[in-house]
Amino acid sequence: MPEPLSLPPMPALAIRAFTATTALGRGNAAQAAALRERRGGLRRNDFGPTPLPTWIGRVEGVEDAPLPSALSRWECRNNRLAWLALQQDGVRTALDTMVAKHGADRVALVVGTSTSSIGASEEAYARAETGDDGVRRFPDDLARPIVHTPHSLGDFLQHATGLRGPCITVATACSSSAKVFAQAARMIEAGLVDAALVGGVDTLCGSVLFGFNALGLVSTERCRPFDATRDGLSLGEAGGFAVLERAATGDSGLQLCGYGESSDAHHMSAPHPEGLGATLVMRGALDRAGIASADVGYLNLHGTSTPANDSVEARAVDALFPATLHASSTKGWTGHTLGAAGIVESVFALLALENGLLPGILDSAVRDPACGPQIRFDNAEADIRFAMNNSFGFGGNNCSLVFGKVAA
C-alpha cells in the first residue's frame, strides 16, 4: 500500500448549524432519539407502481408537502425534501446570520446529490404526450427544463435561500454530500467566500431501486452491515445541511477539522480489493486535522452491507486505527441514502460529539471475520473530541471527514 503525501493541517471551520431529515424523522432530535432507542426507519418497499421486494428508508410526508407557490417552478420530490430539511434545527436562522455578517455574495452554496430530480423525469417520460405534429412531449406540468438536470437541487436552493455566492451541485455518487465539505473548505481557505451552506438530498425513484437491483446489490431483507450473512443494501432517501464559517480565534463548539479525498478508479462499482482509496482518504483527513488515529473516538463507516464493501472497509480500518476506536455503520437505521449519505452520516458523527452517543449497528448479529475490534454492534456512550465519517462512491470516488469539539 503506497504511503500518501503528508498534508499540512487545514484551518478549522466552525459549524454554526446542522440538520438531517431521514426515515427516522425530521431534524436532529428525531435522529438522536431513534439511534438511542435502536429504532430503525426501514419499511417494506411501498414506493412506485410495482414495488421491488426489498426494504427502504422512506421519509414520511413528502407527498403532502408541496413547495411554496413562489418556488413551484422547481416542484419535484427531491426539492420538496430539500425544502423540508432546510427548515429544521435553526439552519435558516444561522444562514440569515451569515448573510447579515458577510453578505449574500460571500456565502457559497455547495450541495451533493446522486440522482437529483430524476424521479420527475421518469414521470415526464411515462406521461409523455403526442402533439398534433406527431412529436412526443413532456406534459405541460412537467415541461420545466431546470427540473430535468443534475443541477436542479443547487438551482432550487439558490433561489430558495437568496444566496448569491458560488453555487455548485456535486454529483460523485455516494460521496457527493461528504465532498461538499471539502469543496467549501477550499473556497473559504482561498478567500473566495467567508461561509457556506453545504448539504445533500437524494430521493427514492425507480432508476435507483431497479438500477441497484440490476447490479445485484439490493437485499430482500433489512440490510445487515458487517454481518457475516449480509447479502446487500437497503436504499433510502434523506436531506441534510450544515452552515460553515471560517473559525475565529477562541471559537468553541463543533468544527470541521480535516478532509481526505481520493479516486482509485479500480472499478465502476466495486471497491479496490486492498482498500487503497479508503486508506488514502482516512489518512488524508487525519493529516489535515493534525491528529493521530488514536485521537478519533467515533467513526461512521460507509458500511453499505454489500459483501465486498464491508470486508474491504473493515480491513482498511483495522490496519489504520487502534482497537479503542468505536466504528459503526448507521445504514440499518436509514438505508443507504446515496448522494445524501455524506451529510446524514456527518450529522450522526456531529451528534456523537454533541451528546456522547456512539451508535452501533442495527439488525446485525454475526460478525464478519474481516471485522477488527473497532467495529461495534452495540451502542456506547463516551465524551469524545473527534469523530469521522467515511463516504465511498462508485468508481472509487472516496471522501473522509474529521469533525472536532472545542471546549468553551
Protein backbone atom coordinates (compact mmCIF):
# COMPACT_ATOMS: atom_id res chain seq x y z
CA MET A 1 0.00 0.00 0.00
CA PRO A 2 1.64 3.28 -1.06
CA GLU A 3 2.07 5.99 1.53
CA PRO A 4 0.04 9.18 0.91
CA LEU A 5 1.67 12.55 0.65
CA SER A 6 1.92 14.30 4.01
CA LEU A 7 -0.70 17.04 4.12
CA PRO A 8 -0.47 20.19 6.25
CA PRO A 9 -3.25 20.83 8.77
CA MET A 10 -6.14 22.91 7.44
CA PRO A 11 -7.70 25.93 9.18
CA ALA A 12 -10.70 24.71 11.17
CA LEU A 13 -14.19 25.71 10.09
CA ALA A 14 -16.90 26.41 12.66
CA ILE A 15 -20.18 24.55 12.19
CA ARG A 16 -22.85 27.11 13.04
CA ALA A 17 -25.83 24.78 12.48
CA PHE A 18 -26.53 21.30 11.11
CA THR A 19 -29.52 19.07 10.47
CA ALA A 20 -30.76 15.83 8.87
CA THR A 21 -34.18 14.57 7.82
CA THR A 22 -34.42 10.83 7.14
CA ALA A 23 -36.78 7.90 7.51
CA LEU A 24 -36.21 8.39 11.26
CA GLY A 25 -37.98 11.76 11.15
CA ARG A 26 -37.38 15.47 10.66
CA GLY A 27 -34.44 17.12 12.40
CA ASN A 28 -31.70 16.11 14.80
CA ALA A 29 -33.88 15.29 17.79
CA ALA A 30 -35.66 12.59 15.77
CA GLN A 31 -32.34 11.16 14.58
CA ALA A 32 -30.81 11.10 18.06
CA ALA A 33 -33.88 9.51 19.67
CA ALA A 34 -34.03 6.71 17.10
CA LEU A 35 -30.31 5.99 17.41
CA ARG A 36 -30.52 5.88 21.20
CA GLU A 37 -33.60 3.66 21.20
CA ARG A 38 -32.21 1.44 18.40
CA ARG A 39 -35.44 2.06 16.47
CA GLY A 40 -34.88 1.77 12.73
CA GLY A 41 -36.70 3.57 9.94
CA LEU A 42 -36.72 0.84 7.30
CA ARG A 43 -40.04 -0.46 5.98
CA ARG A 44 -41.13 -2.90 3.29
CA ASN A 45 -40.90 -1.18 -0.07
CA ASP A 46 -44.11 0.63 -0.92
CA PHE A 47 -42.61 3.05 -3.44
CA GLY A 48 -43.77 3.17 -7.06
CA PRO A 49 -46.46 1.32 -9.03
CA THR A 50 -44.62 -2.03 -8.99
CA PRO A 51 -42.59 -2.11 -5.76
CA LEU A 52 -39.38 -4.12 -5.78
CA PRO A 53 -39.37 -6.73 -2.96
CA THR A 54 -36.95 -5.01 -0.61
CA TRP A 55 -36.84 -2.66 2.40
CA ILE A 56 -36.50 1.11 2.08
CA GLY A 57 -35.92 4.19 4.23
CA ARG A 58 -38.78 6.45 3.11
CA VAL A 59 -39.33 9.93 4.54
CA GLU A 60 -42.91 10.41 5.74
CA GLY A 61 -44.96 13.34 4.50
CA VAL A 62 -43.05 14.36 1.37
CA GLU A 63 -46.10 13.66 -0.79
CA ASP A 64 -48.18 16.09 1.30
CA ALA A 65 -45.68 18.96 1.36
CA PRO A 66 -45.74 20.91 -1.93
CA LEU A 67 -43.27 23.72 -2.38
CA PRO A 68 -44.40 27.29 -1.70
CA SER A 69 -46.11 28.76 -4.77
CA ALA A 70 -43.19 31.15 -5.39
CA LEU A 71 -40.93 28.11 -5.85
CA SER A 72 -43.34 25.96 -7.88
CA ARG A 73 -41.04 26.06 -10.91
CA TRP A 74 -38.78 23.58 -9.08
CA GLU A 75 -41.59 21.31 -7.84
CA CYS A 76 -40.48 17.67 -7.52
CA ARG A 77 -39.95 15.12 -4.75
CA ASN A 78 -36.24 15.86 -4.36
CA ASN A 79 -36.69 19.60 -3.96
CA ARG A 80 -39.63 19.07 -1.61
CA LEU A 81 -37.38 17.06 0.67
CA ALA A 82 -34.67 19.72 0.38
CA TRP A 83 -37.19 22.36 1.49
CA LEU A 84 -38.38 20.24 4.44
CA ALA A 85 -34.82 19.60 5.62
CA LEU A 86 -33.85 23.26 5.27
CA GLN A 87 -36.46 24.32 7.83
CA GLN A 88 -35.04 22.21 10.70
CA ASP A 89 -32.65 22.89 13.61
CA GLY A 90 -32.09 26.59 13.09
CA VAL A 91 -30.33 26.26 9.74
CA ARG A 92 -32.27 29.15 8.20
CA THR A 93 -31.53 31.39 11.20
CA ALA A 94 -27.81 30.57 11.04
CA LEU A 95 -27.84 31.25 7.31
CA ASP A 96 -29.53 34.62 7.84
CA THR A 97 -26.79 35.46 10.36
CA MET A 98 -24.08 34.59 7.82
CA VAL A 99 -25.73 36.75 5.15
CA ALA A 100 -26.11 39.70 7.54
CA LYS A 101 -22.48 39.33 8.61
CA HIS A 102 -20.75 38.67 5.29
CA GLY A 103 -23.23 39.49 2.53
CA ALA A 104 -25.18 37.08 0.31
CA ASP A 105 -22.43 37.08 -2.33
CA ARG A 106 -19.86 35.88 0.23
CA VAL A 107 -21.78 32.75 1.22
CA ALA A 108 -21.28 29.70 -1.03
CA LEU A 109 -23.87 27.01 -1.69
CA VAL A 110 -22.37 23.54 -2.23
CA VAL A 111 -24.76 20.59 -2.29
CA GLY A 112 -24.48 16.95 -3.23
CA THR A 113 -26.87 14.58 -4.94
CA SER A 114 -26.67 11.36 -6.90
CA THR A 115 -29.90 11.31 -8.91
CA SER A 116 -31.22 14.84 -8.23
CA SER A 117 -34.80 15.10 -9.52
CA ILE A 118 -34.67 12.16 -11.93
CA GLY A 119 -37.93 10.90 -10.42
CA ALA A 120 -39.69 13.84 -12.09
CA SER A 121 -38.01 12.95 -15.39
CA GLU A 122 -39.21 9.35 -15.06
CA GLU A 123 -42.76 10.61 -14.58
CA ALA A 124 -42.43 13.02 -17.50
CA TYR A 125 -41.38 10.24 -19.88
CA ALA A 126 -44.09 7.91 -18.59
CA ARG A 127 -46.74 10.59 -19.18
CA ALA A 128 -45.34 11.94 -22.44
CA GLU A 129 -47.99 13.15 -24.89
CA THR A 130 -48.09 13.19 -28.67
CA GLY A 131 -48.89 16.60 -30.16
CA ASP A 132 -50.80 17.36 -33.32
CA ASP A 133 -47.47 17.42 -35.16
CA GLY A 134 -46.78 13.83 -34.09
CA VAL A 135 -43.91 14.83 -31.76
CA ARG A 136 -43.76 13.33 -28.27
CA ARG A 137 -43.53 15.94 -25.49
CA PHE A 138 -43.45 16.11 -21.73
CA PRO A 139 -46.85 17.02 -20.23
CA ASP A 140 -47.27 20.74 -19.55
CA ASP A 141 -46.94 20.39 -15.75
CA LEU A 142 -43.52 18.73 -16.16
CA ALA A 143 -42.23 20.80 -19.08
CA ARG A 144 -39.81 22.63 -16.76
CA PRO A 145 -36.24 22.08 -18.08
CA ILE A 146 -34.45 23.01 -14.84
CA VAL A 147 -36.07 20.08 -13.03
CA HIS A 148 -34.60 17.63 -15.54
CA THR A 149 -30.94 18.46 -14.89
CA PRO A 150 -28.40 17.33 -12.25
CA HIS A 151 -28.20 20.98 -11.07
CA SER A 152 -31.91 21.10 -10.18
CA LEU A 153 -31.08 20.86 -6.48
CA GLY A 154 -28.45 23.60 -6.44
CA ASP A 155 -30.51 25.96 -8.58
CA PHE A 156 -33.58 25.42 -6.39
CA LEU A 157 -31.69 26.07 -3.16
CA GLN A 158 -30.05 29.19 -4.56
CA HIS A 159 -33.48 30.66 -5.28
CA ALA A 160 -34.96 29.35 -2.03
CA THR A 161 -32.23 30.90 0.13
CA GLY A 162 -31.32 34.02 -1.86
CA LEU A 163 -27.60 33.20 -1.65
CA ARG A 164 -25.53 34.85 -4.38
CA GLY A 165 -22.12 33.27 -3.83
CA PRO A 166 -20.75 30.36 -5.87
CA CYS A 167 -23.45 27.71 -6.38
CA ILE A 168 -22.25 24.18 -7.04
CA THR A 169 -24.03 20.82 -7.27
CA VAL A 170 -21.66 17.91 -6.63
CA ALA A 171 -22.64 14.56 -8.15
CA THR A 172 -20.00 11.95 -7.28
CA ALA A 173 -22.38 9.12 -6.38
CA CYS A 174 -22.39 8.15 -2.70
CA SER A 175 -19.57 10.51 -1.70
CA SER A 176 -21.40 13.58 -3.04
CA SER A 177 -22.51 15.26 0.18
CA ALA A 178 -19.28 14.47 2.00
CA LYS A 179 -17.20 16.09 -0.73
CA VAL A 180 -19.22 19.31 -0.37
CA PHE A 181 -17.45 19.93 2.96
CA ALA A 182 -14.05 19.63 1.26
CA GLN A 183 -15.04 21.91 -1.61
CA ALA A 184 -16.45 24.54 0.74
CA ALA A 185 -13.31 24.35 2.90
CA ARG A 186 -11.10 25.06 -0.12
CA MET A 187 -13.21 28.04 -1.21
CA ILE A 188 -13.16 29.55 2.26
CA GLU A 189 -9.42 28.95 2.66
CA ALA A 190 -8.80 30.55 -0.75
CA GLY A 191 -10.72 33.65 0.33
CA LEU A 192 -13.44 33.29 -2.31
CA VAL A 193 -16.15 33.24 0.37
CA ASP A 194 -16.43 33.58 4.15
CA ALA A 195 -19.12 30.97 4.82
CA ALA A 196 -21.03 28.20 3.09
CA LEU A 197 -24.27 26.26 3.17
CA VAL A 198 -23.37 22.64 2.43
CA GLY A 199 -25.58 19.58 2.30
CA GLY A 200 -27.17 16.93 0.17
CA VAL A 201 -30.52 15.48 -0.86
CA ASP A 202 -31.48 12.29 -2.67
CA THR A 203 -34.93 10.76 -3.00
CA LEU A 204 -36.21 7.35 -3.96
CA CYS A 205 -37.08 6.72 -7.59
CA GLY A 206 -37.39 3.81 -9.99
CA SER A 207 -33.96 4.37 -11.54
CA VAL A 208 -32.31 3.97 -8.13
CA LEU A 209 -34.29 0.98 -6.90
CA PHE A 210 -34.24 -1.04 -10.10
CA GLY A 211 -30.76 0.15 -11.12
CA PHE A 212 -29.12 -1.04 -7.91
CA ASN A 213 -31.13 -4.25 -8.11
CA ALA A 214 -29.81 -4.84 -11.63
CA LEU A 215 -26.29 -4.65 -10.17
CA GLY A 216 -27.19 -7.41 -7.71
CA LEU A 217 -26.67 -5.10 -4.71
CA VAL A 218 -30.18 -4.90 -3.18
CA SER A 219 -31.25 -7.24 -0.37
CA THR A 220 -34.80 -8.54 0.01
CA GLU A 221 -34.34 -8.19 3.78
CA ARG A 222 -33.27 -5.34 6.05
CA CYS A 223 -29.59 -4.57 5.44
CA ARG A 224 -27.11 -6.03 7.96
CA PRO A 225 -23.81 -4.12 7.72
CA PHE A 226 -20.69 -6.13 8.65
CA ASP A 227 -22.78 -9.22 9.41
CA ALA A 228 -21.34 -12.46 8.07
CA THR A 229 -24.72 -13.26 6.45
CA ARG A 230 -25.27 -9.88 4.77
CA ASP A 231 -26.43 -10.06 1.17
CA GLY A 232 -27.00 -6.48 0.04
CA LEU A 233 -28.13 -2.99 0.85
CA SER A 234 -31.39 -1.25 1.66
CA LEU A 235 -31.97 2.03 -0.15
CA GLY A 236 -33.26 5.19 1.47
CA GLU A 237 -33.83 8.90 0.97
CA ALA A 238 -32.77 11.86 3.06
CA GLY A 239 -31.77 15.50 3.13
CA GLY A 240 -29.47 17.49 5.36
CA PHE A 241 -27.46 20.69 5.65
CA ALA A 242 -24.70 22.38 7.62
CA VAL A 243 -23.66 26.02 7.83
CA LEU A 244 -19.87 26.52 7.83
CA GLU A 245 -17.88 29.64 8.62
CA ARG A 246 -14.19 30.42 8.98
CA ALA A 247 -13.47 29.81 12.69
CA ALA A 248 -12.43 32.84 14.71
CA THR A 249 -9.75 32.84 17.39
CA GLY A 250 -11.22 31.41 20.57
CA ASP A 251 -14.21 29.80 18.84
CA SER A 252 -15.67 26.84 20.72
CA GLY A 253 -18.18 24.22 19.68
CA LEU A 254 -18.24 21.86 16.70
CA GLN A 255 -15.79 22.23 13.82
CA LEU A 256 -14.76 20.64 10.55
CA CYS A 257 -11.11 19.82 11.18
CA GLY A 258 -9.99 17.79 8.18
CA TYR A 259 -10.95 16.06 4.95
CA GLY A 260 -9.43 13.47 2.66
CA GLU A 261 -10.35 12.70 -0.94
CA SER A 262 -9.25 10.03 -3.40
CA SER A 263 -10.27 8.38 -6.63
CA ASP A 264 -8.70 4.96 -7.00
CA ALA A 265 -10.73 4.23 -10.19
CA HIS A 266 -10.36 0.50 -9.62
CA HIS A 267 -13.80 -0.48 -10.96
CA MET A 268 -17.10 1.15 -11.93
CA SER A 269 -18.97 -0.25 -8.93
CA ALA A 270 -16.63 -2.46 -6.86
CA PRO A 271 -14.16 -1.17 -4.23
CA HIS A 272 -10.40 -1.59 -4.56
CA PRO A 273 -9.72 -5.07 -3.10
CA GLU A 274 -6.97 -3.76 -0.80
CA GLY A 275 -8.89 -0.66 0.23
CA LEU A 276 -6.44 1.71 -1.45
CA GLY A 277 -8.80 4.65 -1.78
CA ALA A 278 -10.32 4.10 1.65
CA THR A 279 -6.89 4.13 3.30
CA LEU A 280 -5.74 7.23 1.44
CA VAL A 281 -8.80 9.31 2.35
CA MET A 282 -8.74 8.34 6.03
CA ARG A 283 -5.04 9.16 6.29
CA GLY A 284 -5.56 12.40 4.39
CA ALA A 285 -8.37 13.50 6.71
CA LEU A 286 -6.28 12.73 9.80
CA ASP A 287 -3.30 14.63 8.36
CA ARG A 288 -5.36 17.72 7.57
CA ALA A 289 -6.88 17.59 11.05
CA GLY A 290 -3.39 17.31 12.53
CA ILE A 291 -4.36 14.36 14.74
CA ALA A 292 -3.38 10.72 15.18
CA SER A 293 -5.74 7.83 14.51
CA ALA A 294 -5.85 7.11 18.25
CA ASP A 295 -7.46 10.54 18.81
CA VAL A 296 -10.65 9.55 16.97
CA GLY A 297 -13.45 8.43 19.29
CA TYR A 298 -16.10 7.51 16.70
CA LEU A 299 -16.02 6.60 13.01
CA ASN A 300 -19.21 6.39 10.97
CA LEU A 301 -18.37 3.81 8.34
CA HIS A 302 -19.63 3.74 4.76
CA GLY A 303 -20.82 0.20 5.60
CA THR A 304 -23.36 -0.41 2.83
CA SER A 305 -23.99 -4.09 3.78
CA THR A 306 -22.78 -5.36 0.42
CA PRO A 307 -20.31 -8.27 0.72
CA ALA A 308 -17.38 -6.53 -1.00
CA ASN A 309 -17.66 -3.04 0.51
CA ASP A 310 -17.86 -4.04 4.16
CA SER A 311 -14.99 -6.53 4.22
CA VAL A 312 -12.65 -4.15 2.37
CA GLU A 313 -13.54 -1.19 4.62
CA ALA A 314 -13.17 -3.33 7.76
CA ARG A 315 -9.64 -4.36 6.80
CA ALA A 316 -8.64 -0.77 5.99
CA VAL A 317 -9.96 0.45 9.34
CA ASP A 318 -8.22 -2.34 11.25
CA ALA A 319 -4.90 -1.50 9.59
CA LEU A 320 -5.12 2.19 10.49
CA PHE A 321 -6.91 2.50 13.85
CA PRO A 322 -6.30 1.06 17.32
CA ALA A 323 -8.74 -1.31 18.98
CA THR A 324 -10.08 1.53 21.13
CA LEU A 325 -11.97 3.11 18.20
CA HIS A 326 -15.77 2.74 18.14
CA ALA A 327 -16.74 2.35 14.47
CA SER A 328 -20.16 1.50 13.04
CA SER A 329 -22.46 1.83 10.05
CA THR A 330 -25.82 3.51 10.65
CA LYS A 331 -27.40 2.45 7.35
CA GLY A 332 -29.51 -0.11 9.20
CA TRP A 333 -31.43 2.87 10.62
CA THR A 334 -31.84 4.98 7.47
CA GLY A 335 -30.98 2.81 4.49
CA HIS A 336 -28.28 3.87 2.06
CA THR A 337 -29.28 7.40 1.12
CA LEU A 338 -26.77 7.64 -1.75
CA GLY A 339 -25.95 11.29 -2.51
CA ALA A 340 -27.32 12.31 0.90
CA ALA A 341 -25.32 9.70 2.85
CA GLY A 342 -22.36 12.03 3.38
CA ILE A 343 -24.36 14.76 5.10
CA VAL A 344 -26.62 12.39 7.06
CA GLU A 345 -23.73 10.38 8.47
CA SER A 346 -21.74 13.55 9.15
CA VAL A 347 -24.72 14.70 11.22
CA PHE A 348 -24.59 11.39 13.12
CA ALA A 349 -20.87 11.99 13.79
CA LEU A 350 -21.65 15.52 14.97
CA LEU A 351 -24.41 14.20 17.25
CA ALA A 352 -21.88 11.76 18.74
CA LEU A 353 -19.63 14.72 19.56
CA GLU A 354 -22.55 16.74 20.92
CA ASN A 355 -24.30 14.17 23.10
CA GLY A 356 -21.81 11.34 23.55
CA LEU A 357 -23.96 8.63 21.95
CA LEU A 358 -21.87 6.33 19.76
CA PRO A 359 -24.31 4.26 17.69
CA GLY A 360 -23.69 0.61 16.98
CA ILE A 361 -25.07 -1.37 14.04
CA LEU A 362 -28.76 -2.24 13.73
CA ASP A 363 -30.02 -5.76 12.84
CA SER A 364 -26.51 -7.27 12.58
CA ALA A 365 -25.70 -10.19 14.87
CA VAL A 366 -22.92 -12.41 13.45
CA ARG A 367 -19.64 -10.58 12.96
CA ASP A 368 -17.89 -10.92 9.63
CA PRO A 369 -14.45 -12.47 10.26
CA ALA A 370 -12.96 -9.46 8.41
CA CYS A 371 -14.09 -7.16 11.24
CA GLY A 372 -11.45 -5.90 13.61
CA PRO A 373 -12.22 -4.91 17.21
CA GLN A 374 -13.04 -1.36 16.06
CA ILE A 375 -16.39 -2.38 14.55
CA ARG A 376 -19.06 -2.38 17.25
CA PHE A 377 -22.62 -3.74 17.01
CA ASP A 378 -23.81 -2.26 20.32
CA ASN A 379 -24.34 1.40 21.18
CA ALA A 380 -21.95 3.03 23.63
CA GLU A 381 -21.61 6.37 25.40
CA ALA A 382 -18.44 8.40 25.71
CA ASP A 383 -17.27 12.00 25.76
CA ILE A 384 -15.15 12.24 22.61
CA ARG A 385 -13.18 15.06 20.98
CA PHE A 386 -13.01 13.85 17.37
CA ALA A 387 -15.37 11.90 15.11
CA MET A 388 -15.02 10.83 11.49
CA ASN A 389 -17.27 9.91 8.59
CA ASN A 390 -16.42 7.72 5.58
CA SER A 391 -18.31 8.08 2.29
CA PHE A 392 -17.27 5.95 -0.68
CA GLY A 393 -18.78 6.22 -4.17
CA PHE A 394 -18.86 4.22 -7.39
CA GLY A 395 -15.68 4.44 -9.42
CA GLY A 396 -13.56 4.56 -6.28
CA ASN A 397 -14.58 8.15 -5.52
CA ASN A 398 -13.97 8.48 -1.79
CA CYS A 399 -14.11 11.08 0.97
CA SER A 400 -13.43 11.06 4.72
CA LEU A 401 -14.18 13.92 7.12
CA VAL A 402 -12.90 14.69 10.62
CA PHE A 403 -15.06 16.73 13.00
CA GLY A 404 -13.95 18.04 16.37
CA LYS A 405 -15.37 19.58 19.54
CA VAL A 406 -13.64 22.56 21.09
CA ALA A 407 -14.48 23.27 24.73
CA ALA A 408 -15.52 26.77 25.73
